[in-house]
Amino acid sequence: MELSDAIGKATSKASGKAIEAELKKKNGKAVWEIEVLADSGKVVEVDVDADTGDVVDSETQKK
């Protein structure tokens, strides 16, 4: 999956603007880890499976 597609998935999950993206390996799988500055002002980290495009995890970052 291309980064631009992964960002689209992440910003659909957490409405806002992507501010950082990194390709990582988690649990043996390639995952796009994308930080989204949500419309609420909070930063949400969204993990998107790089092979399937599925959102596999999301969490609001603590300040």
Protein backbone atom coordinates (compact mmCIF):
# COMPACT_ATOMS: atom_id res chain seq x y z
CA MET A 1 0.00 0.00 0.00
CA GLU A 2 1.28 3.43 -0.92
CA LEU A 3 1.78 6.04 1.80
CA SER A 4 -0.86 8.34 0.31
CA ASP A 5 -3.47 5.56 0.52
CA ALA A 6 -2.47 4.78 4.12
CA ILE A 7 -2.82 8.46 5.03
CA GLY A 8 -6.32 8.42 3.52
CA LYS A 9 -7.27 5.45 5.72
CA ALA A 10 -5.76 7.09 8.82
CA THR A 11 -7.50 10.42 8.31
CA SER A 12 -10.80 8.58 7.74
CA LYS A 13 -10.34 6.89 11.12
CA ALA A 14 -9.25 10.06 12.95
CA SER A 15 -10.60 13.10 11.14
CA GLY A 16 -7.81 15.63 10.79
CA LYS A 17 -4.43 16.17 9.11
CA ALA A 18 -1.54 13.68 8.96
CA ILE A 19 1.54 15.21 10.57
CA GLU A 20 3.95 12.26 10.60
CA ALA A 21 4.22 8.85 8.95
CA GLU A 22 6.66 6.01 9.39
CA LEU A 23 6.84 2.48 8.04
CA LYS A 24 7.48 0.07 10.92
CA LYS A 25 7.44 -3.65 11.58
CA LYS A 26 4.99 -4.67 14.31
CA ASN A 27 4.25 -8.27 15.22
CA GLY A 28 6.09 -9.39 12.08
CA LYS A 29 3.97 -7.22 9.76
CA ALA A 30 4.76 -4.02 7.88
CA VAL A 31 2.61 -1.23 9.29
CA TRP A 32 2.29 2.44 8.42
CA GLU A 33 2.29 4.32 11.73
CA ILE A 34 0.61 7.63 11.03
CA GLU A 35 0.13 10.48 13.48
CA VAL A 36 -2.96 12.57 12.80
CA LEU A 37 -3.64 15.96 14.33
CA ALA A 38 -7.35 15.45 14.86
CA ASP A 39 -9.93 18.20 14.49
CA SER A 40 -10.27 18.04 18.30
CA GLY A 41 -6.64 19.20 18.64
CA LYS A 42 -5.42 15.84 19.94
CA VAL A 43 -2.79 13.70 18.22
CA VAL A 44 -4.04 10.24 17.26
CA GLU A 45 -1.65 7.48 16.20
CA VAL A 46 -3.23 5.22 13.58
CA ASP A 47 -1.60 1.96 12.44
CA VAL A 48 -2.47 0.82 8.91
CA ASP A 49 -1.41 -2.62 7.64
CA ALA A 50 0.91 -1.91 4.69
CA ASP A 51 -0.23 -5.06 2.85
CA THR A 52 -4.00 -5.12 3.37
CA GLY A 53 -4.76 -1.43 4.06
CA ASP A 54 -6.72 -2.34 7.18
CA VAL A 55 -6.57 -0.04 10.19
CA VAL A 56 -5.15 -2.36 12.84
CA ASP A 57 -4.89 0.02 15.81
CA SER A 58 -5.43 3.61 16.87
CA GLU A 59 -4.81 5.48 20.08
CA THR A 60 -4.85 9.05 21.30
CA GLN A 61 -1.40 10.22 22.33
CA LYS A 62 -0.96 11.50 25.84
CA LYS A 63 0.63 14.92 26.21
